[in-house]
N, C-alpha and C. Protein backbone atom coordinates (compact mmCIF):
# COMPACT_ATOMS: atom_id res chain seq x y z
N MET A 1 62.61 -40.96 -61.09
CA MET A 1 62.61 -42.05 -60.05
C MET A 1 62.33 -41.08 -58.64
N PHE A 2 61.52 -41.74 -58.15
CA PHE A 2 60.42 -40.64 -56.80
C PHE A 2 61.79 -41.28 -55.65
N ASP A 3 61.89 -40.73 -54.76
CA ASP A 3 62.72 -40.92 -53.55
C ASP A 3 62.26 -40.66 -52.34
N LEU A 4 62.21 -42.11 -51.47
CA LEU A 4 60.88 -41.30 -50.55
C LEU A 4 61.35 -41.14 -49.16
N SER A 5 62.89 -40.64 -49.32
CA SER A 5 63.71 -39.96 -48.09
C SER A 5 63.02 -38.82 -48.59
N ASP A 6 62.54 -38.27 -49.30
CA ASP A 6 62.18 -36.70 -50.31
C ASP A 6 60.78 -36.53 -49.07
N VAL A 7 60.00 -37.59 -48.99
CA VAL A 7 58.54 -37.33 -47.98
C VAL A 7 59.25 -37.01 -46.69
N LYS A 8 57.80 -36.25 -46.22
CA LYS A 8 58.02 -35.36 -45.30
C LYS A 8 56.40 -35.34 -45.08
N PHE A 9 55.19 -35.27 -45.84
CA PHE A 9 54.21 -35.23 -45.18
C PHE A 9 53.62 -36.43 -46.09
N VAL A 10 52.25 -37.06 -45.53
CA VAL A 10 51.42 -38.19 -46.15
C VAL A 10 49.81 -38.16 -45.83
N LYS A 11 49.28 -37.86 -46.82
CA LYS A 11 47.89 -37.52 -46.96
C LYS A 11 47.05 -39.21 -47.16
N ARG A 12 46.40 -39.34 -46.35
CA ARG A 12 45.53 -40.83 -46.80
C ARG A 12 44.28 -39.95 -46.98
N ILE A 13 43.32 -40.71 -48.29
CA ILE A 13 42.60 -39.95 -48.89
C ILE A 13 41.83 -41.74 -49.13
N VAL A 14 40.35 -41.91 -48.68
CA VAL A 14 39.74 -43.06 -48.94
C VAL A 14 38.66 -42.72 -50.34
N VAL A 15 38.66 -43.49 -50.75
CA VAL A 15 37.78 -42.97 -52.42
C VAL A 15 36.69 -43.74 -52.27
N GLY A 16 35.79 -44.32 -51.87
CA GLY A 16 34.69 -45.06 -51.29
C GLY A 16 33.57 -45.61 -49.84
N THR A 17 33.40 -46.20 -49.81
CA THR A 17 32.64 -46.12 -47.87
C THR A 17 33.46 -47.49 -47.72
N ASP A 18 34.13 -46.76 -47.15
CA ASP A 18 34.74 -48.05 -45.86
C ASP A 18 34.42 -47.90 -44.73
N ASN A 19 32.69 -47.56 -44.44
CA ASN A 19 32.57 -47.84 -43.09
C ASN A 19 30.73 -48.27 -43.59
N PRO A 20 30.24 -49.31 -42.90
CA PRO A 20 29.22 -49.66 -43.33
C PRO A 20 28.19 -49.49 -42.46
N SER A 21 28.52 -48.59 -41.40
CA SER A 21 27.75 -48.45 -40.74
C SER A 21 26.95 -46.64 -41.19
N ARG A 22 28.00 -46.50 -42.30
CA ARG A 22 28.18 -44.71 -42.29
C ARG A 22 28.20 -45.23 -44.15
N MET A 23 27.71 -44.85 -44.67
CA MET A 23 27.25 -44.82 -46.11
C MET A 23 27.92 -43.74 -46.55
N ARG A 24 28.70 -43.53 -47.82
CA ARG A 24 29.22 -41.87 -48.29
C ARG A 24 28.45 -41.42 -48.98
N SER A 25 27.56 -41.16 -49.56
CA SER A 25 26.93 -39.85 -50.70
C SER A 25 27.81 -40.50 -51.83
N GLU A 26 27.25 -40.32 -53.10
CA GLU A 26 27.97 -39.95 -54.08
C GLU A 26 28.77 -38.81 -54.61
N GLU A 27 28.05 -37.51 -53.32
CA GLU A 27 28.92 -36.40 -53.50
C GLU A 27 30.65 -35.92 -52.87
N GLU A 28 30.23 -37.23 -51.68
CA GLU A 28 31.03 -37.24 -50.76
C GLU A 28 32.32 -37.99 -51.49
N ILE A 29 31.80 -39.43 -52.72
CA ILE A 29 32.84 -39.64 -53.60
C ILE A 29 33.50 -38.82 -54.28
N GLU A 30 33.09 -38.21 -55.02
CA GLU A 30 33.73 -37.36 -55.92
C GLU A 30 34.10 -36.56 -55.31
N ALA A 31 33.94 -35.49 -53.93
CA ALA A 31 35.54 -34.91 -53.04
C ALA A 31 36.25 -35.41 -53.37
N ALA A 32 36.13 -36.72 -52.42
CA ALA A 32 37.52 -37.28 -52.00
C ALA A 32 38.47 -37.61 -53.11
N ARG A 33 37.46 -38.07 -55.20
CA ARG A 33 38.39 -37.48 -56.04
C ARG A 33 39.08 -36.70 -56.46
N ALA A 34 38.14 -35.60 -56.18
CA ALA A 34 39.00 -33.92 -56.56
C ALA A 34 39.63 -33.89 -55.43
N LEU A 35 40.02 -34.23 -54.26
CA LEU A 35 41.13 -33.94 -53.77
C LEU A 35 42.13 -34.74 -54.37
N LEU A 36 42.09 -35.98 -54.25
CA LEU A 36 42.99 -36.80 -54.94
C LEU A 36 43.56 -36.06 -56.25
N ASN A 37 43.27 -35.88 -56.97
CA ASN A 37 43.38 -35.16 -58.03
C ASN A 37 43.67 -34.02 -58.46
N ARG A 38 43.85 -33.06 -57.20
CA ARG A 38 44.42 -31.99 -56.57
C ARG A 38 45.29 -32.00 -55.56
N CYS A 39 45.80 -33.58 -55.26
CA CYS A 39 46.94 -33.62 -55.05
C CYS A 39 47.56 -34.32 -56.01
N LEU A 40 47.55 -34.75 -56.95
CA LEU A 40 48.30 -35.31 -57.33
C LEU A 40 48.70 -34.31 -58.45
N THR A 41 48.28 -33.17 -59.24
CA THR A 41 48.86 -32.21 -59.75
C THR A 41 48.53 -30.89 -59.56
N ASP A 42 48.36 -30.35 -58.48
CA ASP A 42 48.73 -29.03 -57.81
C ASP A 42 49.99 -29.06 -57.08
N ALA A 43 50.43 -27.62 -57.06
CA ALA A 43 52.19 -27.79 -56.32
C ALA A 43 51.57 -27.15 -54.97
N PRO A 44 52.33 -28.78 -54.15
CA PRO A 44 53.19 -28.91 -54.12
C PRO A 44 52.93 -30.34 -54.57
N ARG A 45 53.28 -31.07 -55.94
CA ARG A 45 52.61 -32.04 -56.15
C ARG A 45 53.00 -33.41 -55.37
N GLY A 46 52.46 -33.78 -55.08
CA GLY A 46 52.26 -34.93 -54.15
C GLY A 46 52.32 -36.36 -55.04
N THR A 47 52.84 -37.71 -54.59
CA THR A 47 53.19 -38.92 -55.51
C THR A 47 52.40 -39.93 -54.38
N ILE A 48 51.92 -40.83 -55.55
CA ILE A 48 51.14 -41.96 -54.21
C ILE A 48 52.07 -42.47 -53.92
N VAL A 49 51.97 -43.29 -52.90
CA VAL A 49 53.15 -44.12 -51.75
C VAL A 49 52.76 -45.52 -51.60
N GLY A 50 51.87 -44.94 -51.69
CA GLY A 50 50.70 -46.52 -51.55
C GLY A 50 49.81 -46.74 -51.53
N MET A 51 49.02 -47.88 -51.20
CA MET A 51 47.70 -48.19 -51.61
C MET A 51 47.02 -49.03 -50.75
N GLU A 52 45.98 -48.66 -51.01
CA GLU A 52 44.82 -50.28 -49.78
C GLU A 52 44.05 -50.78 -50.45
N LYS A 53 43.91 -51.47 -50.83
CA LYS A 53 42.47 -51.88 -51.50
C LYS A 53 41.52 -52.90 -50.44
N SER A 54 40.19 -52.44 -50.42
CA SER A 54 39.84 -53.40 -49.46
C SER A 54 38.19 -53.40 -49.61
N PHE A 55 37.48 -54.40 -49.50
CA PHE A 55 35.97 -55.17 -49.35
C PHE A 55 35.12 -55.32 -48.04
N THR A 56 34.34 -55.06 -47.95
CA THR A 56 33.41 -55.68 -47.20
C THR A 56 31.71 -56.24 -47.27
N ILE A 57 31.52 -57.97 -47.64
CA ILE A 57 30.41 -58.05 -47.36
C ILE A 57 29.62 -58.21 -46.37
N LEU A 58 28.69 -57.71 -46.43
CA LEU A 58 27.24 -57.39 -45.66
C LEU A 58 25.90 -58.84 -45.73
N GLN A 59 25.25 -59.06 -44.96
CA GLN A 59 24.18 -59.56 -45.29
C GLN A 59 23.26 -58.52 -44.82
N ILE A 60 22.46 -58.20 -45.83
CA ILE A 60 21.19 -57.30 -45.40
C ILE A 60 19.70 -57.10 -46.17
N GLY A 61 19.10 -58.79 -44.54
CA GLY A 61 18.04 -59.41 -45.21
C GLY A 61 18.27 -60.73 -45.64
N GLU A 62 18.25 -60.61 -47.13
CA GLU A 62 17.99 -61.89 -47.85
C GLU A 62 19.66 -61.64 -48.64
N HIS A 63 19.24 -60.45 -48.82
CA HIS A 63 20.85 -59.90 -50.04
C HIS A 63 22.06 -59.45 -49.02
N GLN A 64 23.02 -60.11 -50.40
CA GLN A 64 24.53 -59.67 -50.14
C GLN A 64 24.50 -58.34 -50.54
N VAL A 65 25.73 -57.66 -49.73
CA VAL A 65 26.13 -56.40 -50.33
C VAL A 65 28.06 -56.67 -50.79
N VAL A 66 28.16 -55.71 -51.26
CA VAL A 66 29.73 -56.55 -51.26
C VAL A 66 30.12 -54.25 -51.17
N LEU A 67 30.82 -53.71 -50.27
CA LEU A 67 31.37 -52.07 -50.61
C LEU A 67 33.18 -52.94 -50.46
N GLN A 68 32.98 -51.61 -51.17
CA GLN A 68 34.79 -51.63 -51.94
C GLN A 68 35.13 -50.12 -51.98
N TRP A 69 36.62 -50.12 -51.08
CA TRP A 69 36.77 -48.55 -51.25
C TRP A 69 38.36 -48.44 -51.72
N LEU A 70 38.86 -47.60 -51.95
CA LEU A 70 40.63 -47.77 -52.30
C LEU A 70 40.70 -46.75 -51.14
N CYS A 71 42.55 -47.02 -50.47
CA CYS A 71 43.20 -45.97 -49.99
C CYS A 71 44.58 -45.37 -50.64
N TYR A 72 44.82 -44.62 -50.92
CA TYR A 72 45.30 -44.19 -51.57
C TYR A 72 46.28 -43.06 -50.28
N HIS A 73 47.88 -43.28 -50.10
CA HIS A 73 48.49 -43.13 -49.57
C HIS A 73 49.28 -41.39 -50.35
N VAL A 74 49.46 -40.84 -50.69
CA VAL A 74 50.19 -39.11 -51.24
C VAL A 74 51.45 -38.63 -49.75
N GLY A 75 52.22 -38.79 -50.95
CA GLY A 75 53.38 -38.69 -50.01
C GLY A 75 53.48 -36.68 -50.58
N PHE A 76 54.45 -35.96 -49.95
CA PHE A 76 54.81 -35.05 -50.82
C PHE A 76 56.18 -35.00 -49.34
N PRO A 77 57.09 -33.56 -50.52
CA PRO A 77 57.53 -32.50 -49.43
C PRO A 77 57.93 -31.94 -48.21
N ARG A 78 56.28 -31.20 -48.46
CA ARG A 78 55.84 -30.92 -47.46
C ARG A 78 54.41 -30.60 -47.85
N LYS A 79 53.66 -30.36 -46.47
CA LYS A 79 52.23 -29.97 -46.78
C LYS A 79 51.87 -28.95 -47.51
N PRO A 80 51.28 -29.63 -48.20
CA PRO A 80 50.62 -27.92 -48.59
C PRO A 80 49.95 -27.46 -48.71
N ALA A 81 50.25 -25.94 -48.29
CA ALA A 81 49.43 -24.73 -47.74
C ALA A 81 47.77 -25.18 -48.38
N TRP A 82 47.59 -25.30 -49.49
CA TRP A 82 45.97 -25.13 -49.59
C TRP A 82 44.97 -26.89 -48.77
N LEU A 83 45.86 -28.05 -48.49
CA LEU A 83 45.54 -28.70 -47.95
C LEU A 83 44.88 -28.53 -45.95
N GLU A 84 45.04 -27.43 -45.78
CA GLU A 84 44.48 -27.34 -44.34
C GLU A 84 42.94 -27.88 -44.41
N GLY A 85 42.71 -26.98 -45.09
CA GLY A 85 41.17 -27.43 -44.81
C GLY A 85 40.40 -28.62 -45.12
N ALA A 86 41.72 -29.34 -45.84
CA ALA A 86 40.80 -30.38 -46.21
C ALA A 86 41.08 -31.96 -45.23
């Protein structure tokens, strides 16, 4: 069982496009996925402590476009050294 009192640092990772005025490229989305995977596998190993699911419906001309994204909150017992540049 994971104890939230052990969490001293939380990293927020958005996977998908959360800002309609700045669409993320597939490379940026894949980089966010890779960061999430690293947070969950490398030492110190993080744990998902929360998750946001959201969407926005945009009207572009005659078309409706749906933007969806997930935001993961990954908790760590301490800030990982390898996360300094991320």
